[in-house]
């Protein structure tokens, strides 16, 4: 129950646009461990082969944590009405397994809004692939994707 409440608090912190340090404090409480500063991983932008783009600003917890978390803000910078932004993580576990997170999307033709996202692993990971795409509607096919690999 405590983790669920703190997870909601983290989602609120991301939606409110609090800096990574505030989100990191909540993240540390959720994982149940004392964490160092979370790591800013920069911005991932979808392929430039399209006039519009999707963009994600990304932070992560440390790879030594029991549950690795990748979180940030997703922006829809595509002015076309039917185009949206999508972000998804693929966790690569130490055991060799892979797990795909549910995707998170945003449709904002004005390009001024963002949505927070949080993906958490089920255990220790060696790397994470974060994929940012432009999609046709929220459930449509992904196109113009870019993938950033984050390694331990």
Protein backbone atom coordinates (compact mmCIF):
# COMPACT_ATOMS: atom_id res chain seq x y z
CA UNK A 1 0.00 0.00 0.00
CA UNK A 2 2.85 2.37 0.90
CA UNK A 3 4.49 1.81 -2.49
CA UNK A 4 1.21 2.50 -4.29
CA UNK A 5 0.73 5.79 -2.45
CA UNK A 6 4.30 6.87 -3.11
CA UNK A 7 3.95 5.82 -6.77
CA UNK A 8 0.98 8.16 -7.08
CA UNK A 9 3.05 10.89 -5.40
CA UNK A 10 5.84 10.37 -7.93
CA UNK A 11 3.40 10.55 -10.83
CA UNK A 12 2.06 13.79 -9.33
CA UNK A 13 5.59 15.15 -8.95
CA UNK A 14 6.33 14.39 -12.60
CA UNK A 15 3.05 15.87 -13.77
CA UNK A 16 3.62 18.99 -11.68
CA UNK A 17 7.04 19.40 -13.23
CA UNK A 18 9.07 19.19 -10.05
CA UNK A 19 12.81 18.92 -10.59
CA UNK A 20 14.51 15.55 -10.67
CA UNK A 21 15.71 15.90 -7.07
CA UNK A 22 12.14 16.05 -5.76
CA UNK A 23 11.11 13.14 -7.97
CA UNK A 24 14.26 11.29 -6.85
CA UNK A 25 13.31 11.65 -3.21
CA UNK A 26 9.95 10.03 -3.91
CA UNK A 27 11.63 7.37 -6.06
CA UNK A 28 13.98 6.44 -3.21
CA UNK A 29 11.02 6.00 -0.91
CA UNK A 30 9.21 3.80 -3.44
CA UNK A 31 12.16 1.43 -3.91
CA UNK A 32 12.71 1.28 -0.17
CA UNK A 33 16.39 2.12 -0.49
CA UNK A 34 18.45 5.21 0.01
CA UNK A 35 19.50 6.33 -3.44
CA UNK A 36 22.06 8.80 -4.59
CA UNK A 37 21.06 11.53 -6.96
CA UNK A 38 19.11 10.28 -9.93
CA UNK A 39 20.87 10.58 -13.26
CA UNK A 40 19.68 12.97 -15.97
CA UNK A 41 19.92 11.14 -19.29
CA UNK A 42 19.11 14.07 -21.55
CA UNK A 43 16.49 14.28 -24.26
CA UNK A 44 15.46 11.57 -26.71
CA UNK A 45 13.89 12.90 -29.91
CA UNK A 46 12.11 10.85 -32.57
CA UNK A 47 13.60 10.54 -36.05
CA UNK A 48 14.09 13.85 -37.91
CA UNK A 49 12.66 12.27 -41.10
CA UNK A 50 9.28 13.83 -40.29
CA UNK A 51 8.23 17.48 -39.97
CA UNK A 52 6.91 16.94 -36.43
CA UNK A 53 8.55 15.07 -33.60
CA UNK A 54 8.08 13.39 -30.24
CA UNK A 55 10.48 14.26 -27.43
CA UNK A 56 11.19 12.76 -24.00
CA UNK A 57 13.30 14.25 -21.21
CA UNK A 58 14.69 11.33 -19.23
CA UNK A 59 16.02 10.54 -15.72
CA UNK A 60 16.94 7.18 -14.18
CA UNK A 61 17.75 5.67 -10.83
CA UNK A 62 21.04 3.83 -10.33
CA UNK A 63 21.52 0.41 -11.91
CA UNK A 64 22.47 -1.06 -8.52
CA UNK A 65 18.93 -0.58 -7.21
CA UNK A 66 16.69 -3.59 -6.76
CA UNK A 67 14.11 -2.07 -9.10
CA UNK A 68 15.47 0.17 -11.84
CA UNK A 69 13.28 3.14 -12.75
CA UNK A 70 13.28 5.33 -15.83
CA UNK A 71 11.04 8.37 -15.78
CA UNK A 72 10.55 11.78 -17.30
CA UNK A 73 8.34 13.97 -19.44
CA UNK A 74 6.92 13.18 -22.88
CA UNK A 75 6.19 16.05 -25.28
CA UNK A 76 4.21 15.96 -28.54
CA UNK A 77 5.99 18.46 -30.81
CA UNK A 78 4.04 17.40 -33.93
CA UNK A 79 1.50 20.03 -35.00
CA UNK A 80 -0.52 17.59 -37.16
CA UNK A 81 -3.87 16.83 -35.54
CA UNK A 82 -3.86 13.03 -35.82
CA UNK A 83 -0.22 12.58 -34.76
CA UNK A 84 0.79 11.80 -31.18
CA UNK A 85 3.93 11.07 -29.13
CA UNK A 86 4.68 7.67 -27.61
CA UNK A 87 7.37 6.35 -25.26
CA UNK A 88 8.15 2.77 -24.24
CA UNK A 89 10.98 1.01 -22.37
CA UNK A 90 12.47 -2.44 -22.93
CA UNK A 91 14.25 -3.81 -19.84
CA UNK A 92 17.13 -6.28 -20.37
CA UNK A 93 17.56 -8.34 -17.19
CA UNK A 94 20.73 -9.95 -15.85
CA UNK A 95 19.07 -13.33 -16.37
CA UNK A 96 18.88 -12.70 -20.13
CA UNK A 97 15.13 -12.04 -20.15
CA UNK A 98 13.58 -8.98 -21.78
CA UNK A 99 10.42 -7.15 -20.78
CA UNK A 100 8.56 -4.48 -22.70
CA UNK A 101 6.74 -1.84 -20.65
CA UNK A 102 3.30 -0.58 -21.60
CA UNK A 103 3.64 2.49 -23.79
CA UNK A 104 2.67 5.97 -22.64
CA UNK A 105 1.26 8.44 -25.14
CA UNK A 106 0.22 12.05 -25.55
CA UNK A 107 -1.72 13.88 -28.26
CA UNK A 108 -1.27 17.64 -28.08
CA UNK A 109 -1.51 19.53 -31.37
CA UNK A 110 -0.38 22.75 -29.69
CA UNK A 111 2.89 21.16 -28.56
CA UNK A 112 2.81 23.02 -25.25
CA UNK A 113 1.75 20.22 -22.87
CA UNK A 114 3.56 17.19 -21.57
CA UNK A 115 2.73 14.01 -19.70
CA UNK A 116 4.89 12.32 -17.08
CA UNK A 117 5.94 8.69 -17.45
CA UNK A 118 7.45 6.15 -15.07
CA UNK A 119 8.61 2.65 -16.01
CA UNK A 120 9.94 0.25 -13.37
CA UNK A 121 11.75 -3.07 -13.82
CA UNK A 122 10.88 -6.30 -11.97
CA UNK A 123 14.51 -6.80 -10.92
CA UNK A 124 18.11 -5.86 -11.71
CA UNK A 125 18.81 -4.88 -15.29
CA UNK A 126 21.92 -4.55 -17.43
CA UNK A 127 20.43 -2.08 -19.89
CA UNK A 128 17.25 -0.31 -20.93
CA UNK A 129 16.18 0.70 -24.42
CA UNK A 130 13.90 3.75 -24.42
CA UNK A 131 11.92 4.18 -27.64
CA UNK A 132 10.29 7.50 -28.59
CA UNK A 133 7.97 7.61 -31.61
CA UNK A 134 5.40 9.64 -33.49
CA UNK A 135 2.15 7.64 -33.72
CA UNK A 136 -1.07 7.89 -35.68
CA UNK A 137 -3.47 8.53 -32.79
CA UNK A 138 -2.84 7.07 -29.34
CA UNK A 139 -3.25 3.45 -30.44
CA UNK A 140 -2.03 3.75 -34.03
CA UNK A 141 1.16 2.42 -35.58
CA UNK A 142 4.46 3.92 -34.47
CA UNK A 143 6.70 5.66 -36.99
CA UNK A 144 9.77 7.87 -37.04
CA UNK A 145 11.12 6.21 -33.90
CA UNK A 146 14.41 6.77 -32.12
CA UNK A 147 15.85 4.45 -29.47
CA UNK A 148 18.30 5.42 -26.75
CA UNK A 149 20.15 2.60 -25.01
CA UNK A 150 21.11 3.18 -21.38
CA UNK A 151 23.68 0.73 -20.00
CA UNK A 152 24.82 -0.11 -16.50
